[in-house]
Amino acid sequence: MKRYLLMMILIVTMSMLLAVESDPSETVGYVKYPCLAGLNMCALGMDTGYALASDLANANPGMLDAINYWDNSTQEWVASTYIDFLEMWDPDFDLYNGLPLWVSSLDEFDMFILGGLPAENASYDLVPGLTLIMMPLDQSAITLCSELGAAVGTLDAINVWDNTTQEWVASTYIDFLDMWDPDFDLSIGQVLWLSSIDTTTWPGTRGRSVVPIPTRAKPQQSQNK
């Protein structure tokens, strides 16, 4: 009897495991961005289906009051802000997979970018100067600034945003020592501000590019708080 029950348990367990398998294109996952009150970095790593800035806001009701992206052609931030008395976002700009964003949060919360795996992983065009990117989801082998520097080949600084201090933290390449200092950890989905000394596309030529950001640029933070 015990042997029979054990066999039944194994059959049921295997059936449950097989039931959750799906085609890779249908796999659903998420990237989590812990946000504090103030400015926070996030990116659209998964295929969320969001088409507009308001879609991201509606997925996080009552939490965001400004969503910013960088416009390469004007070298300025474009901000979509929530107009409370009209209950609308203006301008309600387009979103796309892999797009890094600087959002203004009203309170502490975890932003989940939930959806299917993108058909193509993100790829970014770097120029001499600064470029904002998201660490592509297929680059999990890169876990340190030095590894990213070696992979890209044109970087002299890697910056990450610290939500707590509301400031940038920089790792810089020291040429005569051939080392990155500090050589901090990186992870997929993380938003990075890269300083490049030359033009390149990384990784490869897949996906849609993200534009460069000048050093003194600052995103808009809504005054409706």
Protein backbone atom coordinates (compact mmCIF):
# COMPACT_ATOMS: atom_id res chain seq x y z
CA MET A 1 0.00 0.00 0.00
CA LYS A 2 2.80 2.42 0.91
CA ARG A 3 4.58 1.57 -2.34
CA TYR A 4 1.36 2.26 -4.27
CA LEU A 5 0.87 5.63 -2.58
CA LEU A 6 4.48 6.56 -3.25
CA MET A 7 4.07 5.77 -6.95
CA MET A 8 0.89 7.85 -7.12
CA ILE A 9 2.65 10.82 -5.48
CA LEU A 10 5.50 10.56 -8.00
CA ILE A 11 3.08 10.43 -10.94
CA VAL A 12 1.13 13.47 -9.71
CA THR A 13 4.36 15.40 -9.03
CA MET A 14 5.73 14.68 -12.52
CA SER A 15 2.41 15.68 -14.09
CA MET A 16 2.50 19.03 -12.27
CA LEU A 17 6.08 19.69 -13.39
CA LEU A 18 5.26 18.92 -17.01
CA ALA A 19 2.17 21.14 -16.87
CA VAL A 20 4.21 24.30 -16.16
CA GLU A 21 6.53 23.79 -19.13
CA SER A 22 5.88 26.06 -22.11
CA ASP A 23 7.44 27.22 -25.32
CA PRO A 24 10.27 29.75 -24.65
CA SER A 25 8.35 32.49 -26.50
CA GLU A 26 5.53 32.05 -24.01
CA THR A 27 7.70 32.12 -20.88
CA VAL A 28 6.64 34.83 -18.43
CA GLY A 29 9.01 36.42 -15.95
CA TYR A 30 9.80 39.72 -14.32
CA VAL A 31 12.49 42.22 -13.41
CA LYS A 32 12.10 43.92 -10.01
CA TYR A 33 13.18 47.50 -9.31
CA PRO A 34 12.98 48.57 -5.62
CA CYS A 35 11.97 52.25 -5.69
CA LEU A 36 12.21 54.88 -2.97
CA ALA A 37 10.44 58.24 -2.76
CA GLY A 38 12.33 60.36 -5.28
CA LEU A 39 14.10 59.48 -8.52
CA ASN A 40 14.67 55.84 -9.48
CA MET A 41 16.06 53.97 -12.45
CA CYS A 42 14.10 51.22 -14.18
CA ALA A 43 13.93 49.68 -17.65
CA LEU A 44 11.53 47.70 -19.81
CA GLY A 45 13.43 44.42 -19.85
CA MET A 46 10.42 42.17 -20.40
CA ASP A 47 7.85 42.33 -23.20
CA THR A 48 5.24 44.05 -21.03
CA GLY A 49 2.95 45.21 -23.82
CA TYR A 50 3.26 48.78 -22.52
CA ALA A 51 2.95 51.19 -25.44
CA LEU A 52 2.76 54.51 -23.59
CA ALA A 53 4.15 56.16 -20.45
CA SER A 54 0.64 56.05 -18.97
CA ASP A 55 0.66 52.24 -19.31
CA LEU A 56 3.65 52.02 -16.96
CA ALA A 57 1.98 54.45 -14.56
CA ASN A 58 -1.32 52.55 -14.63
CA ALA A 59 0.54 49.32 -13.81
CA ASN A 60 1.81 51.05 -10.66
CA PRO A 61 -1.27 53.07 -9.58
CA GLY A 62 -0.67 56.13 -7.42
CA MET A 63 3.10 55.63 -7.27
CA LEU A 64 4.57 57.67 -10.15
CA ASP A 65 4.20 61.35 -10.94
CA ALA A 66 6.91 61.75 -13.61
CA ILE A 67 8.51 59.43 -16.19
CA ASN A 68 11.64 60.62 -18.02
CA TYR A 69 13.62 59.43 -21.04
CA TRP A 70 16.56 60.99 -22.88
CA ASP A 71 16.09 62.43 -26.38
CA ASN A 72 19.33 62.19 -28.32
CA SER A 73 18.31 64.63 -31.04
CA THR A 74 17.68 67.49 -28.61
CA GLN A 75 20.18 66.38 -25.93
CA GLU A 76 17.52 66.96 -23.30
CA TRP A 77 15.22 64.95 -21.08
CA VAL A 78 11.62 64.44 -22.15
CA ALA A 79 9.33 64.21 -19.14
CA SER A 80 5.81 62.87 -19.00
CA THR A 81 4.16 64.27 -15.87
CA TYR A 82 0.83 63.45 -14.29
CA ILE A 83 -1.64 66.34 -14.37
CA ASP A 84 -3.83 65.63 -11.38
CA PHE A 85 -6.87 67.78 -12.15
CA LEU A 86 -7.05 66.42 -15.70
CA GLU A 87 -6.18 62.85 -14.64
CA MET A 88 -3.82 62.45 -17.60
CA TRP A 89 -0.14 62.10 -18.49
CA ASP A 90 1.39 64.80 -20.68
CA PRO A 91 3.05 64.11 -23.07
CA ASP A 92 2.09 60.44 -23.11
CA PHE A 93 5.16 59.28 -25.06
CA ASP A 94 5.87 55.87 -26.60
CA LEU A 95 7.68 53.07 -24.78
CA TYR A 96 9.60 50.13 -26.24
CA ASN A 97 11.42 47.04 -24.97
CA GLY A 98 14.83 47.73 -23.43
CA LEU A 99 14.13 51.43 -22.83
CA PRO A 100 15.79 52.76 -19.62
CA LEU A 101 13.73 55.29 -17.68
CA TRP A 102 14.27 57.69 -14.77
CA VAL A 103 11.01 57.81 -12.84
CA SER A 104 9.83 60.01 -9.98
CA SER A 105 8.12 58.00 -7.25
CA LEU A 106 5.82 59.36 -4.58
CA ASP A 107 6.58 56.57 -2.12
CA GLU A 108 8.60 53.40 -1.56
CA PHE A 109 7.45 50.39 -3.58
CA ASP A 110 8.71 47.51 -5.74
CA MET A 111 8.19 48.01 -9.46
CA PHE A 112 7.74 44.71 -11.29
CA ILE A 113 8.34 44.72 -15.04
CA LEU A 114 6.26 41.63 -15.83
CA GLY A 115 5.85 39.94 -19.20
CA GLY A 116 7.20 37.51 -21.73
CA LEU A 117 10.80 37.27 -22.83
CA PRO A 118 11.48 39.78 -25.63
CA ALA A 119 11.92 38.39 -29.12
CA GLU A 120 15.27 40.21 -29.28
CA ASN A 121 17.45 41.21 -26.37
CA ALA A 122 18.34 44.87 -26.02
CA SER A 123 21.30 46.36 -27.89
CA TYR A 124 22.58 49.93 -27.59
CA ASP A 125 24.51 52.38 -29.77
CA LEU A 126 27.27 54.03 -27.72
CA VAL A 127 28.85 57.30 -28.79
CA PRO A 128 31.79 59.32 -27.48
CA GLY A 129 30.26 60.62 -24.26
CA LEU A 130 27.55 59.17 -22.04
CA THR A 131 24.88 56.61 -22.93
CA LEU A 132 22.11 55.19 -20.75
CA ILE A 133 21.54 51.45 -21.12
CA MET A 134 19.93 48.47 -19.43
CA MET A 135 22.13 45.41 -18.91
CA PRO A 136 20.60 43.03 -21.50
CA LEU A 137 18.91 39.93 -20.13
CA ASP A 138 21.21 37.63 -22.12
CA GLN A 139 24.38 39.03 -20.52
CA SER A 140 24.21 37.28 -17.15
CA ALA A 141 27.85 36.16 -17.50
CA ILE A 142 28.92 39.78 -16.94
CA THR A 143 28.88 40.46 -13.21
CA LEU A 144 31.58 43.13 -12.69
CA CYS A 145 32.46 46.52 -14.16
CA SER A 146 35.80 45.15 -15.39
CA GLU A 147 33.97 42.40 -17.31
CA LEU A 148 31.62 44.90 -18.95
CA GLY A 149 34.56 47.15 -19.79
CA ALA A 150 36.34 44.26 -21.49
CA ALA A 151 33.19 43.20 -23.37
CA VAL A 152 32.42 46.68 -24.74
CA GLY A 153 36.02 47.78 -25.28
CA THR A 154 35.44 51.56 -25.43
CA LEU A 155 34.43 52.47 -21.86
CA ASP A 156 36.26 54.67 -19.39
CA ALA A 157 33.50 54.99 -16.73
CA ILE A 158 30.45 53.05 -15.57
CA ASN A 159 27.88 54.80 -13.38
CA VAL A 160 24.94 53.45 -11.39
CA TRP A 161 22.19 55.42 -9.63
CA ASP A 162 21.96 55.11 -5.84
CA ASN A 163 18.30 55.52 -4.82
CA THR A 164 19.24 56.07 -1.18
CA THR A 165 21.66 58.96 -1.71
CA GLN A 166 19.99 60.15 -4.94
CA GLU A 167 23.44 60.35 -6.53
CA TRP A 168 25.54 58.53 -9.11
CA VAL A 169 28.21 56.01 -8.08
CA ALA A 170 31.07 55.69 -10.58
CA SER A 171 33.58 53.01 -11.48
CA THR A 172 36.39 54.45 -13.60
CA TYR A 173 39.07 52.80 -15.69
CA ILE A 174 42.61 53.57 -14.48
CA ASP A 175 44.68 53.23 -17.61
CA PHE A 176 48.20 52.95 -16.17
CA LEU A 177 47.04 50.27 -13.71
CA ASP A 178 44.78 48.56 -16.27
CA MET A 179 42.01 48.20 -13.68
CA TRP A 180 38.52 49.42 -12.78
CA ASP A 181 38.06 51.19 -9.46
CA PRO A 182 35.86 50.34 -7.66
CA ASP A 183 35.09 47.13 -9.54
CA PHE A 184 31.52 46.77 -8.25
CA ASP A 185 28.90 44.13 -9.06
CA LEU A 186 26.54 44.36 -12.04
CA SER A 187 23.41 42.37 -12.88
CA ILE A 188 21.03 41.91 -15.80
CA GLY A 189 18.19 44.43 -15.93
CA GLN A 190 20.30 47.05 -14.14
CA VAL A 191 20.37 50.57 -15.60
CA LEU A 192 23.87 51.93 -16.27
CA TRP A 193 25.25 55.28 -17.42
CA LEU A 194 28.23 54.44 -19.62
CA SER A 195 31.01 56.80 -20.66
CA SER A 196 32.52 55.72 -23.97
CA ILE A 197 35.57 57.12 -25.76
CA ASP A 198 34.39 55.90 -29.17
CA THR A 199 31.36 54.79 -31.16
CA THR A 200 30.28 51.18 -30.85
CA THR A 201 27.19 48.98 -30.64
CA TRP A 202 26.85 46.62 -27.69
CA PRO A 203 26.02 43.81 -27.63
CA GLY A 204 26.15 43.14 -31.36
CA THR A 205 23.64 44.92 -33.57
CA ARG A 206 20.37 43.52 -32.21
CA GLY A 207 17.46 45.48 -30.82
CA ARG A 208 16.80 49.18 -30.67
CA SER A 209 19.41 51.69 -29.58
CA VAL A 210 19.28 54.07 -26.64
CA VAL A 211 20.68 57.57 -26.87
CA PRO A 212 23.58 59.35 -25.09
CA ILE A 213 23.16 61.47 -21.95
CA PRO A 214 25.31 64.54 -21.14
CA THR A 215 26.96 64.73 -17.72
CA ARG A 216 24.90 67.61 -16.35
CA ALA A 217 21.51 66.42 -17.56
CA LYS A 218 18.92 66.01 -14.79
CA PRO A 219 15.44 64.52 -15.21
CA GLN A 220 12.29 66.29 -14.24
CA GLN A 221 10.78 65.60 -10.86
CA SER A 222 7.15 66.61 -10.53
CA GLN A 223 6.22 69.43 -8.19
CA ASN A 224 2.80 67.88 -7.46
CA LYS A 225 4.04 66.20 -4.29
